[in-house]
Amino acid sequence: MKILVIGSGGREHALVWKLAQSPSVSKLWCAPGNGGIGRDAECIPVDAANPGAIAGLAQRLSADLTVIGPELPLVNGVADEFAARRMRIFGPSQAAAELEGSKIFAKQFMHRHGIPTAGVLGEISDFADGRKLLQSLKFPAVLKADGLCAGKGVLVASELEEANEFLERSLVRKEFGEGGARTLVEEALSGPELSVIVATDGDAVVPMVPSRDHKLLLDGDRGPNTGGMGAYSTDELLPADLRKQVFDSIVFPTIKGLQKDGIPYCGFLYF
């Protein structure tokens, strides 16, 4: 197979590194890629946010399969563009990618299908109204810019002043662009982080090894949120009883909920 991977970060580097080891892969490209990825795949320039440009590149290369790494092209509808051209892609449709593209949509989905999640304290789209809501809260509380912000649109606020500043950055200064047009406010949950990523065709589920992600910039759970300061992965993170709980109450209900809502999902799902 000839495979095209879309993206330029560590996630795409890992995908390329592993795909390059397969005897089934005869040619591997990555667009746009980076210097490290260039050791394992041919890197080609592309606007990774443009579904038409990605599909056009895959067509010119006669790629048998395209694998999408970042969220943005999926939210922009790249899988739909490939479906229209009858080309193979591994990644969810624009409707299904809304689970990642909108935290408010994801929260509503979880409530609708009885999937456990942190309680909602409010949704904010107006700065003045938002300040009033924040004044009524007990802290800590979590503020999340609704859309894609490269992992930087979340704040665990320990006090009102901190929360107000985040709201100003999001709604007034528009630091997160369109992704910050709405803000979801949630109750704060404490405990060890656990990431469970699965591959699915919308029915069957193939779990990856669980991982633990460190999001905050500084040691000791301090500093602003980032796209990720480091992660490690081992089966020991998910003992049998916890694994059963996670899959029975979260993973399988999500797959069934997507089916019930008429949203076919093909790709990686990140719990």
Protein backbone atom coordinates (compact mmCIF):
# COMPACT_ATOMS: atom_id res chain seq x y z
CA MET A 1 0.00 0.00 0.00
CA LYS A 2 0.94 3.62 -0.58
CA ILE A 3 -0.05 5.68 2.47
CA LEU A 4 -0.29 9.44 3.02
CA VAL A 5 -0.22 10.75 6.61
CA ILE A 6 -1.47 14.29 7.25
CA GLY A 7 0.11 16.42 10.00
CA SER A 8 3.42 17.74 11.29
CA GLY A 9 3.66 16.92 15.02
CA GLY A 10 4.79 14.19 17.37
CA ARG A 11 1.56 12.24 16.90
CA GLU A 12 2.10 12.07 13.13
CA HIS A 13 5.76 11.18 13.65
CA ALA A 14 4.65 8.18 15.74
CA LEU A 15 2.13 7.12 13.07
CA VAL A 16 4.75 7.37 10.32
CA TRP A 17 7.40 5.58 12.40
CA LYS A 18 5.08 2.63 12.98
CA LEU A 19 3.62 2.48 9.46
CA ALA A 20 7.16 2.47 8.04
CA GLN A 21 7.76 -0.84 9.85
CA SER A 22 4.92 -2.62 8.02
CA PRO A 23 5.88 -4.94 5.15
CA SER A 24 2.52 -4.02 3.59
CA VAL A 25 3.60 -0.40 3.06
CA SER A 26 5.51 0.22 -0.18
CA LYS A 27 5.48 4.04 -0.10
CA LEU A 28 4.94 6.54 2.72
CA TRP A 29 4.38 10.30 2.50
CA CYS A 30 3.67 12.86 5.20
CA ALA A 31 2.19 16.29 4.51
CA PRO A 32 3.46 18.72 5.56
CA GLY A 33 5.63 16.61 7.91
CA ASN A 34 8.76 17.89 9.68
CA GLY A 35 12.51 17.31 9.77
CA GLY A 36 12.29 14.26 12.02
CA ILE A 37 9.48 12.67 10.02
CA GLY A 38 11.59 13.12 6.89
CA ARG A 39 13.81 10.25 8.00
CA ASP A 40 10.92 7.77 7.64
CA ALA A 41 8.68 9.30 4.97
CA GLU A 42 8.83 11.73 2.06
CA CYS A 43 7.51 15.10 3.27
CA ILE A 44 5.33 17.16 0.92
CA PRO A 45 3.93 20.69 1.53
CA VAL A 46 0.15 21.01 1.97
CA ASP A 47 -2.32 23.26 3.76
CA ALA A 48 -3.39 20.75 6.42
CA ALA A 49 -6.51 22.81 7.21
CA ASN A 50 -7.81 22.61 3.63
CA PRO A 51 -9.82 19.44 2.82
CA GLY A 52 -9.72 20.09 -0.94
CA ALA A 53 -5.93 20.51 -0.94
CA ILE A 54 -5.45 17.28 1.04
CA ALA A 55 -7.79 15.29 -1.21
CA GLY A 56 -6.15 16.75 -4.31
CA LEU A 57 -2.70 15.75 -3.05
CA ALA A 58 -3.85 12.18 -2.24
CA GLN A 59 -5.34 11.94 -5.73
CA ARG A 60 -2.15 13.16 -7.45
CA LEU A 61 -0.04 10.70 -5.44
CA SER A 62 -2.50 7.83 -6.06
CA ALA A 63 -2.40 7.10 -2.32
CA ASP A 64 -4.25 3.90 -1.37
CA LEU A 65 -5.03 5.27 2.09
CA THR A 66 -4.81 8.64 3.85
CA VAL A 67 -4.47 8.81 7.64
CA ILE A 68 -5.37 12.10 9.34
CA GLY A 69 -3.45 13.07 12.48
CA PRO A 70 -4.68 16.56 13.54
CA GLU A 71 -8.24 17.48 14.53
CA LEU A 72 -8.59 20.62 12.38
CA PRO A 73 -8.84 19.00 8.92
CA LEU A 74 -11.38 16.52 10.31
CA VAL A 75 -13.50 19.30 11.83
CA ASN A 76 -13.22 21.10 8.47
CA GLY A 77 -14.69 18.07 6.68
CA VAL A 78 -11.75 16.33 5.01
CA ALA A 79 -13.32 12.86 5.41
CA ASP A 80 -16.46 14.07 3.64
CA GLU A 81 -14.34 15.43 0.78
CA PHE A 82 -12.64 12.03 0.42
CA ALA A 83 -16.02 10.21 0.54
CA ALA A 84 -17.31 12.44 -2.26
CA ARG A 85 -14.30 11.45 -4.37
CA ARG A 86 -14.61 7.77 -3.35
CA MET A 87 -11.12 7.74 -1.85
CA ARG A 88 -10.00 5.83 1.26
CA ILE A 89 -9.37 7.78 4.45
CA PHE A 90 -9.02 6.90 8.13
CA GLY A 91 -10.76 9.67 10.04
CA PRO A 92 -14.30 10.63 11.08
CA SER A 93 -16.77 12.72 9.10
CA GLN A 94 -17.29 16.40 9.89
CA ALA A 95 -20.45 15.57 11.87
CA ALA A 96 -18.64 12.91 13.93
CA ALA A 97 -15.56 15.13 14.44
CA GLU A 98 -17.79 17.63 16.24
CA LEU A 99 -17.19 15.49 19.36
CA GLU A 100 -13.66 16.91 19.31
CA GLY A 101 -14.47 20.22 17.64
CA SER A 102 -17.02 21.44 20.21
CA LYS A 103 -16.81 20.74 23.93
CA ILE A 104 -20.42 21.89 24.34
CA PHE A 105 -21.59 19.47 21.63
CA ALA A 106 -19.62 16.67 23.32
CA LYS A 107 -21.13 17.54 26.72
CA GLN A 108 -24.67 17.49 25.28
CA PHE A 109 -23.91 14.15 23.61
CA MET A 110 -22.72 12.65 26.91
CA HIS A 111 -25.79 13.91 28.77
CA ARG A 112 -28.09 12.57 26.05
CA HIS A 113 -26.60 9.09 26.24
CA GLY A 114 -26.02 8.84 29.99
CA ILE A 115 -22.22 8.91 29.80
CA PRO A 116 -20.65 10.11 33.09
CA THR A 117 -18.93 13.51 32.85
CA ALA A 118 -18.13 16.53 35.00
CA GLY A 119 -21.17 18.66 35.90
CA VAL A 120 -21.94 21.76 33.83
CA LEU A 121 -21.95 25.07 35.72
CA GLY A 122 -22.81 27.22 32.71
CA GLU A 123 -22.21 28.23 29.10
CA ILE A 124 -20.93 31.73 28.32
CA SER A 125 -20.97 33.70 25.07
CA ASP A 126 -21.24 37.24 26.50
CA PHE A 127 -18.46 38.74 28.63
CA ALA A 128 -20.70 40.76 31.01
CA ASP A 129 -23.09 37.84 31.56
CA GLY A 130 -20.12 35.55 32.04
CA ARG A 131 -18.62 37.70 34.78
CA LYS A 132 -21.95 37.57 36.65
CA LEU A 133 -22.03 33.78 36.38
CA LEU A 134 -18.44 33.45 37.61
CA GLN A 135 -19.19 35.62 40.66
CA SER A 136 -21.83 33.09 41.73
CA LEU A 137 -19.47 30.10 41.63
CA LYS A 138 -17.36 28.33 44.21
CA PHE A 139 -13.81 27.70 43.08
CA PRO A 140 -11.95 25.77 41.76
CA ALA A 141 -13.89 25.59 38.49
CA VAL A 142 -12.91 24.65 34.95
CA LEU A 143 -13.29 27.00 31.97
CA LYS A 144 -13.06 25.53 28.48
CA ALA A 145 -13.10 27.42 25.19
CA ASP A 146 -15.63 25.51 23.14
CA GLY A 147 -13.65 24.99 19.93
CA LEU A 148 -10.19 23.80 18.88
CA CYS A 149 -7.36 25.70 20.60
CA ALA A 150 -4.38 23.33 20.15
CA GLY A 151 -4.80 22.06 23.72
CA LYS A 152 -4.43 25.54 25.25
CA GLY A 153 -8.08 26.54 25.66
CA VAL A 154 -8.69 25.11 29.14
CA LEU A 155 -8.13 26.65 32.57
CA VAL A 156 -8.58 25.06 35.97
CA ALA A 157 -9.30 28.31 37.82
CA SER A 158 -8.51 28.37 41.52
CA GLU A 159 -10.00 31.85 42.04
CA LEU A 160 -12.41 34.37 40.51
CA GLU A 161 -9.72 36.76 39.25
CA GLU A 162 -8.04 33.99 37.28
CA ALA A 163 -11.37 32.95 35.73
CA ASN A 164 -12.26 36.52 34.74
CA GLU A 165 -8.88 36.95 33.03
CA PHE A 166 -9.41 33.74 31.00
CA LEU A 167 -12.86 34.96 29.97
CA GLU A 168 -11.41 38.29 28.84
CA ARG A 169 -8.69 36.53 26.83
CA SER A 170 -11.31 34.33 25.19
CA LEU A 171 -14.26 36.67 24.56
CA VAL A 172 -12.71 40.17 24.46
CA ARG A 173 -9.15 39.73 23.20
CA LYS A 174 -10.21 36.68 21.14
CA GLU A 175 -6.89 34.90 21.73
CA PHE A 176 -8.49 31.57 20.75
CA GLY A 177 -10.18 32.93 17.60
CA GLU A 178 -13.48 31.29 16.69
CA GLY A 179 -12.70 28.47 19.12
CA GLY A 180 -13.22 30.89 22.01
CA ALA A 181 -16.60 32.32 20.93
CA ARG A 182 -18.29 30.22 23.62
CA THR A 183 -16.97 29.03 26.98
CA LEU A 184 -18.08 25.94 28.86
CA VAL A 185 -17.83 26.12 32.66
CA GLU A 186 -17.57 22.79 34.52
CA GLU A 187 -17.05 21.52 38.02
CA ALA A 188 -13.40 20.74 38.79
CA LEU A 189 -12.49 17.07 39.23
CA SER A 190 -9.23 15.99 40.84
CA GLY A 191 -7.32 12.76 40.42
CA PRO A 192 -4.84 11.00 38.12
CA GLU A 193 -5.27 11.61 34.39
CA LEU A 194 -5.98 8.63 32.11
CA SER A 195 -6.23 8.69 28.31
CA VAL A 196 -7.86 5.77 26.52
CA ILE A 197 -7.63 5.95 22.72
CA VAL A 198 -9.41 3.45 20.49
CA ALA A 199 -9.56 2.83 16.76
CA THR A 200 -13.06 2.13 15.46
CA ASP A 201 -14.99 1.63 12.24
CA GLY A 202 -18.15 2.75 14.01
CA ASP A 203 -18.90 -0.73 15.37
CA ALA A 204 -15.80 -2.71 16.36
CA VAL A 205 -13.37 -1.16 18.86
CA VAL A 206 -9.60 -1.75 18.98
CA PRO A 207 -8.02 -0.12 22.06
CA MET A 208 -4.54 1.35 22.10
CA VAL A 209 -2.33 0.96 25.17
CA PRO A 210 -3.61 3.51 27.76
CA SER A 211 -1.53 6.60 28.43
CA ARG A 212 -1.11 9.41 30.95
CA ASP A 213 -0.70 12.98 29.73
CA HIS A 214 0.86 15.94 31.55
CA LYS A 215 -0.88 19.09 30.31
CA LEU A 216 0.22 21.88 32.66
CA LEU A 217 3.36 23.82 31.78
CA LEU A 218 5.14 23.51 35.14
CA ASP A 219 5.84 20.77 37.68
CA GLY A 220 3.48 20.14 40.58
CA ASP A 221 0.28 20.73 38.53
CA ARG A 222 1.08 24.42 38.10
CA GLY A 223 1.04 26.84 35.19
CA PRO A 224 -1.16 27.24 32.11
CA ASN A 225 -2.59 24.39 30.06
CA THR A 226 -0.60 23.29 27.02
CA GLY A 227 -1.05 20.86 24.16
CA GLY A 228 0.94 18.37 26.27
CA MET A 229 4.28 18.54 28.09
CA GLY A 230 4.85 14.80 28.01
CA ALA A 231 3.10 11.43 28.23
CA TYR A 232 3.86 7.83 29.01
CA SER A 233 2.04 4.67 28.07
CA THR A 234 1.70 1.31 29.84
CA ASP A 235 -1.01 -1.31 30.34
CA GLU A 236 -0.51 -0.96 34.09
CA LEU A 237 -2.47 2.32 33.97
CA LEU A 238 -5.66 0.34 33.35
CA PRO A 239 -6.18 -2.62 35.71
CA ALA A 240 -8.93 -5.09 34.78
CA ASP A 241 -11.67 -3.65 37.02
CA LEU A 242 -11.06 -0.05 35.89
CA ARG A 243 -10.83 -1.17 32.26
CA LYS A 244 -14.27 -2.82 32.52
CA GLN A 245 -15.72 0.33 34.11
CA VAL A 246 -14.26 2.63 31.44
CA PHE A 247 -15.44 0.50 28.52
CA ASP A 248 -18.87 -0.37 29.93
CA SER A 249 -19.80 3.15 31.06
CA ILE A 250 -17.94 5.36 28.56
CA VAL A 251 -16.44 3.70 25.46
CA PHE A 252 -19.26 1.35 24.41
CA PRO A 253 -22.07 3.83 25.23
CA THR A 254 -20.27 6.41 23.04
CA ILE A 255 -20.13 4.02 20.08
CA LYS A 256 -23.80 3.08 20.57
CA GLY A 257 -24.75 6.75 21.04
CA LEU A 258 -23.11 7.69 17.74
CA GLN A 259 -24.99 4.87 16.02
CA LYS A 260 -28.27 5.99 17.62
CA ASP A 261 -27.68 9.59 16.50
CA GLY A 262 -26.99 8.43 12.95
CA ILE A 263 -23.37 9.62 13.02
CA PRO A 264 -21.11 6.90 11.55
CA TYR A 265 -17.63 7.15 13.09
CA CYS A 266 -14.42 5.84 11.51
CA GLY A 267 -11.10 6.77 13.06
CA PHE A 268 -9.50 7.30 16.45
CA LEU A 269 -11.64 8.20 19.46
CA TYR A 270 -9.89 9.78 22.43
CA PHE A 271 -11.50 9.25 25.84
